[in-house]
Amino acid sequence: MSPINTALRDFESLERLATEPSALSALDPRAKILATLGFIFTVVSFHRTSVAALLPLAAFPVVLAALGNVPWRMIGRSVLLASPFAVMLGMFNPLLDQQTVLTMAGVPVSSGFLSFVSILIRFALTVSAGLILLASTGFHPICSGLSRLGLPQLFTTQLLLLHRYALVLAGETARMSLARELRANGRPMRLAIYGPLLGHLLLRALQRAQRVHQAMLSRGFDGGLHRSATGHWQHRDTLFLSACMLGFVLARQLDLAHLLGALVLAVAR
């Protein structure tokens, strides 16, 4: 199976997980959205060279995945698929910032290398949290929750349509990739073919998107996102959000990595 088909299958599997009952899917979408946003803001608020201080924050996606019955293999594949963007973002940091900040086993470690590792950790943490939010909620309830939190309806509607038509484009890409593989018999595709292939892909995606839009209009779509009637804020949502925010404050104000290391050494003695 091609990487495009694998990525599309994983994304659709994440959407289907949102319909399965779990402790996390029972929560109000607004509580999960606010908790995820708080987690992302906490992760990005650390110093650019922070590495050890970020590691205890991995408990948040781990606990959410356990509560939502989200398989880590699927999350890991999705994170690895998008990881080249994070690598390209920080790959030149070790070359541009070579100031030595510490020495490990006699090997000097530069500030640029620490910032590069920190970027990779932040990327893995934030993307994992976002994927778990999607797997435990679903994209439409997320958009509905954003609308109920006060975001403009135009923004949430555009976000929902972007998601739908991105899947249309990915589906057309997967079908064209499969057709090319069947006709190529394993031969590599020449560079000159990529231009016409991309243009044909955009034309096919546009035609299908127009058919989808006509079907939406025939079913009464008026340009607005109708809020879901399900999902009412309950005491468990308040407890969940309060516990998450308290954990983020503690992780930001205290050096949890140092405290955990001292605790392990104390127990070992």
Protein backbone atom coordinates (compact mmCIF):
# COMPACT_ATOMS: atom_id res chain seq x y z
CA MET A 1 0.00 0.00 0.00
CA SER A 2 1.33 3.47 -0.93
CA PRO A 3 2.14 6.04 1.78
CA ILE A 4 -0.79 8.18 0.58
CA ASN A 5 -3.25 5.34 1.00
CA THR A 6 -1.78 4.48 4.40
CA ALA A 7 -2.05 8.08 5.63
CA LEU A 8 -5.61 8.38 4.32
CA ARG A 9 -6.61 5.10 5.96
CA ASP A 10 -5.11 6.17 9.29
CA PHE A 11 -6.92 9.50 9.16
CA GLU A 12 -10.24 7.83 8.43
CA SER A 13 -9.57 5.35 11.23
CA LEU A 14 -9.05 8.26 13.63
CA GLU A 15 -12.41 9.68 12.59
CA ARG A 16 -14.10 6.31 13.19
CA LEU A 17 -12.57 6.03 16.65
CA ALA A 18 -14.57 9.10 17.70
CA THR A 19 -17.81 7.13 17.34
CA GLU A 20 -16.68 4.39 19.73
CA PRO A 21 -17.64 4.83 23.41
CA SER A 22 -14.81 5.64 25.82
CA ALA A 23 -14.15 7.70 28.93
CA LEU A 24 -12.67 10.49 26.79
CA SER A 25 -15.32 10.54 24.07
CA ALA A 26 -18.01 11.02 26.74
CA LEU A 27 -16.59 14.43 27.67
CA ASP A 28 -17.87 17.67 26.20
CA PRO A 29 -15.86 18.70 23.10
CA ARG A 30 -15.27 22.15 24.59
CA ALA A 31 -13.49 20.68 27.62
CA LYS A 32 -11.18 18.62 25.41
CA ILE A 33 -10.51 21.56 23.09
CA LEU A 34 -9.62 23.89 25.98
CA ALA A 35 -7.42 21.24 27.60
CA THR A 36 -5.57 20.60 24.33
CA LEU A 37 -5.07 24.32 23.70
CA GLY A 38 -3.78 24.74 27.25
CA PHE A 39 -1.37 21.87 26.69
CA ILE A 40 -0.09 23.36 23.43
CA PHE A 41 0.42 26.79 25.00
CA THR A 42 2.27 25.18 27.90
CA VAL A 43 4.57 23.23 25.57
CA VAL A 44 5.50 26.23 23.44
CA SER A 45 6.03 28.48 26.49
CA PHE A 46 9.22 26.69 27.55
CA HIS A 47 12.66 28.02 26.66
CA ARG A 48 13.87 27.11 23.18
CA THR A 49 16.63 24.86 24.57
CA SER A 50 14.43 23.07 27.12
CA VAL A 51 14.52 19.30 26.68
CA ALA A 52 14.25 17.53 30.05
CA ALA A 53 11.54 19.93 31.27
CA LEU A 54 9.32 18.90 28.34
CA LEU A 55 9.50 15.16 28.97
CA PRO A 56 7.01 15.04 31.93
CA LEU A 57 4.41 16.69 29.67
CA ALA A 58 4.29 13.45 27.68
CA ALA A 59 2.00 12.17 30.44
CA PHE A 60 -0.87 14.23 29.00
CA PRO A 61 -1.14 12.52 25.57
CA VAL A 62 -0.35 9.13 27.15
CA VAL A 63 -3.22 9.44 29.64
CA LEU A 64 -5.61 10.79 26.99
CA ALA A 65 -4.77 7.94 24.62
CA ALA A 66 -5.46 5.44 27.39
CA LEU A 67 -8.78 7.09 28.28
CA GLY A 68 -9.84 7.30 24.64
CA ASN A 69 -8.65 3.81 23.63
CA VAL A 70 -6.52 5.38 20.89
CA PRO A 71 -3.82 3.00 19.53
CA TRP A 72 -0.35 4.50 19.73
CA ARG A 73 0.75 2.73 16.55
CA MET A 74 -1.70 4.84 14.55
CA ILE A 75 -0.66 8.04 16.32
CA GLY A 76 3.01 7.21 15.81
CA ARG A 77 2.59 6.65 12.06
CA SER A 78 0.81 9.99 11.68
CA VAL A 79 3.48 11.82 13.66
CA LEU A 80 6.27 10.23 11.64
CA LEU A 81 4.50 11.14 8.40
CA ALA A 82 4.51 14.83 9.34
CA SER A 83 7.92 14.80 11.09
CA PRO A 84 9.91 16.02 8.03
CA PHE A 85 8.36 19.46 8.54
CA ALA A 86 9.77 19.63 12.07
CA VAL A 87 13.14 18.30 10.91
CA MET A 88 13.37 20.92 8.17
CA LEU A 89 12.41 23.63 10.65
CA GLY A 90 15.30 22.96 13.02
CA MET A 91 17.88 20.97 11.07
CA PHE A 92 20.19 23.98 10.65
CA ASN A 93 20.11 25.03 14.31
CA PRO A 94 23.19 22.94 15.25
CA LEU A 95 25.13 24.69 12.45
CA LEU A 96 23.94 28.23 13.20
CA ASP A 97 24.28 28.08 17.01
CA GLN A 98 27.39 26.15 18.04
CA GLN A 99 27.82 27.61 21.52
CA THR A 100 28.55 24.78 23.98
CA VAL A 101 26.16 24.78 26.93
CA LEU A 102 26.96 21.42 28.55
CA THR A 103 29.11 18.33 28.23
CA MET A 104 27.70 14.78 28.29
CA ALA A 105 30.16 11.88 28.66
CA GLY A 106 32.93 14.13 27.42
CA VAL A 107 30.97 15.20 24.32
CA PRO A 108 30.16 18.93 24.05
CA VAL A 109 26.51 19.70 23.37
CA SER A 110 25.70 22.96 21.61
CA SER A 111 22.73 25.23 22.18
CA GLY A 112 21.66 24.69 18.57
CA PHE A 113 21.51 20.93 19.01
CA LEU A 114 19.39 21.29 22.15
CA SER A 115 17.00 23.64 20.35
CA PHE A 116 16.72 21.13 17.48
CA VAL A 117 15.87 18.28 19.88
CA SER A 118 13.44 20.59 21.69
CA ILE A 119 11.65 21.33 18.41
CA LEU A 120 11.25 17.62 17.71
CA ILE A 121 9.86 16.96 21.20
CA ARG A 122 7.43 19.90 21.01
CA PHE A 123 6.29 18.74 17.60
CA ALA A 124 5.68 15.17 18.78
CA LEU A 125 3.80 16.33 21.90
CA THR A 126 1.53 18.87 20.21
CA VAL A 127 0.73 16.78 17.14
CA SER A 128 -0.01 13.74 19.31
CA ALA A 129 -2.37 15.79 21.46
CA GLY A 130 -4.15 17.13 18.37
CA LEU A 131 -4.54 13.68 16.84
CA ILE A 132 -5.89 12.25 20.09
CA LEU A 133 -8.38 15.15 20.25
CA LEU A 134 -9.52 14.27 16.73
CA ALA A 135 -9.71 10.54 17.49
CA SER A 136 -11.76 11.07 20.64
CA THR A 137 -14.08 13.80 19.35
CA GLY A 138 -14.42 13.86 15.57
CA PHE A 139 -13.86 16.84 13.31
CA HIS A 140 -17.48 18.01 13.11
CA PRO A 141 -17.94 18.05 16.93
CA ILE A 142 -14.63 19.91 17.20
CA CYS A 143 -15.89 22.60 14.82
CA SER A 144 -19.20 22.71 16.66
CA GLY A 145 -17.34 23.04 19.98
CA LEU A 146 -15.24 25.90 18.62
CA SER A 147 -18.41 27.64 17.50
CA ARG A 148 -19.95 27.19 20.96
CA LEU A 149 -16.79 28.63 22.50
CA GLY A 150 -17.39 31.86 20.61
CA LEU A 151 -15.39 31.52 17.40
CA PRO A 152 -17.06 33.15 14.37
CA GLN A 153 -19.31 30.80 12.45
CA LEU A 154 -17.58 31.78 9.20
CA PHE A 155 -14.26 30.45 10.57
CA THR A 156 -15.68 27.16 11.82
CA THR A 157 -17.60 26.59 8.58
CA GLN A 158 -14.49 27.23 6.48
CA LEU A 159 -12.52 24.89 8.73
CA LEU A 160 -15.07 22.13 8.28
CA LEU A 161 -15.17 22.58 4.50
CA LEU A 162 -11.37 22.64 4.35
CA HIS A 163 -11.34 19.29 6.12
CA ARG A 164 -13.93 17.81 3.78
CA TYR A 165 -12.25 19.00 0.57
CA ALA A 166 -8.78 18.04 1.82
CA LEU A 167 -10.09 14.49 2.06
CA VAL A 168 -11.45 14.84 -1.48
CA LEU A 169 -8.00 15.90 -2.72
CA ALA A 170 -6.30 13.09 -0.78
CA GLY A 171 -8.73 10.54 -2.21
CA GLU A 172 -8.10 11.68 -5.77
CA THR A 173 -4.34 11.59 -5.11
CA ALA A 174 -4.56 8.03 -3.82
CA ARG A 175 -6.55 6.86 -6.85
CA MET A 176 -4.18 8.51 -9.32
CA SER A 177 -1.16 7.10 -7.48
CA LEU A 178 -2.65 3.60 -7.65
CA ALA A 179 -3.43 3.98 -11.36
CA ARG A 180 0.13 5.13 -12.07
CA GLU A 181 1.60 2.21 -10.13
CA LEU A 182 -0.53 -0.29 -12.06
CA ARG A 183 0.55 1.15 -15.41
CA ALA A 184 4.21 1.74 -14.56
CA ASN A 185 5.04 -1.87 -13.58
CA GLY A 186 7.53 -0.66 -10.98
CA ARG A 187 9.29 1.85 -13.25
CA PRO A 188 10.10 5.22 -11.63
CA MET A 189 8.10 8.20 -12.83
CA ARG A 190 10.00 10.81 -14.83
CA LEU A 191 10.21 14.35 -13.50
CA ALA A 192 8.46 15.79 -16.58
CA ILE A 193 5.30 13.83 -15.74
CA TYR A 194 4.78 15.48 -12.34
CA GLY A 195 3.55 18.78 -13.82
CA PRO A 196 0.73 17.36 -15.98
CA LEU A 197 -0.13 14.86 -13.26
CA LEU A 198 -0.53 17.63 -10.68
CA GLY A 199 -2.66 19.71 -13.03
CA HIS A 200 -4.89 16.74 -13.80
CA LEU A 201 -5.19 16.04 -10.07
CA LEU A 202 -6.36 19.57 -9.34
CA LEU A 203 -8.92 19.43 -12.17
CA ARG A 204 -10.32 16.11 -10.94
CA ALA A 205 -10.45 17.34 -7.34
CA LEU A 206 -12.18 20.55 -8.41
CA GLN A 207 -14.80 18.69 -10.44
CA ARG A 208 -15.54 16.31 -7.59
CA ALA A 209 -15.65 19.16 -5.06
CA GLN A 210 -18.22 20.91 -7.25
CA ARG A 211 -20.35 17.77 -7.30
CA VAL A 212 -20.07 17.50 -3.53
CA HIS A 213 -21.07 21.16 -3.16
CA GLN A 214 -24.10 20.68 -5.40
CA ALA A 215 -25.12 17.68 -3.29
CA MET A 216 -24.78 19.79 -0.14
CA LEU A 217 -26.97 22.53 -1.61
CA SER A 218 -29.61 20.02 -2.66
CA ARG A 219 -29.72 18.82 0.97
CA GLY A 220 -30.35 22.29 2.36
CA PHE A 221 -26.87 23.63 3.10
CA ASP A 222 -27.23 27.38 3.65
CA GLY A 223 -23.59 28.30 4.28
CA GLY A 224 -23.73 27.89 8.05
CA LEU A 225 -22.63 25.21 10.48
CA HIS A 226 -25.51 23.89 12.53
CA ARG A 227 -24.51 23.24 16.12
CA SER A 228 -24.90 19.76 17.45
CA ALA A 229 -27.65 19.32 19.98
CA THR A 230 -25.58 16.76 21.90
CA GLY A 231 -22.85 17.55 24.38
CA HIS A 232 -23.80 19.44 27.51
CA TRP A 233 -21.28 20.69 30.04
CA GLN A 234 -21.31 18.51 33.16
CA HIS A 235 -19.38 18.26 36.41
CA ARG A 236 -16.99 15.70 34.94
CA ASP A 237 -16.01 18.20 32.25
CA THR A 238 -15.18 20.79 34.92
CA LEU A 239 -13.13 18.25 36.87
CA PHE A 240 -11.27 17.12 33.74
CA LEU A 241 -10.44 20.64 32.62
CA SER A 242 -9.45 21.76 36.14
CA ALA A 243 -7.15 18.76 36.60
CA CYS A 244 -5.49 19.38 33.24
CA MET A 245 -4.94 23.08 33.86
CA LEU A 246 -3.57 22.39 37.35
CA GLY A 247 -1.14 19.89 35.87
CA PHE A 248 -0.01 22.38 33.22
CA VAL A 249 0.62 25.07 35.85
CA LEU A 250 2.64 22.65 37.97
CA ALA A 251 4.64 21.50 34.95
CA ARG A 252 5.40 25.12 34.04
CA GLN A 253 6.25 26.38 37.50
CA LEU A 254 8.08 23.34 38.88
CA ASP A 255 11.01 21.40 37.45
CA LEU A 256 9.19 18.08 37.37
CA ALA A 257 12.04 16.31 35.58
CA HIS A 258 14.47 17.29 38.36
CA LEU A 259 12.00 16.29 41.07
CA LEU A 260 11.32 12.91 39.44
CA GLY A 261 15.05 12.29 39.03
CA ALA A 262 15.69 13.11 42.68
CA LEU A 263 12.82 10.82 43.70
CA VAL A 264 14.21 7.93 41.64
CA LEU A 265 17.67 8.40 43.16
CA ALA A 266 16.18 8.51 46.65
CA VAL A 267 14.27 5.29 46.07
CA ALA A 268 17.33 3.59 44.55
CA ARG A 269 19.36 4.38 47.64
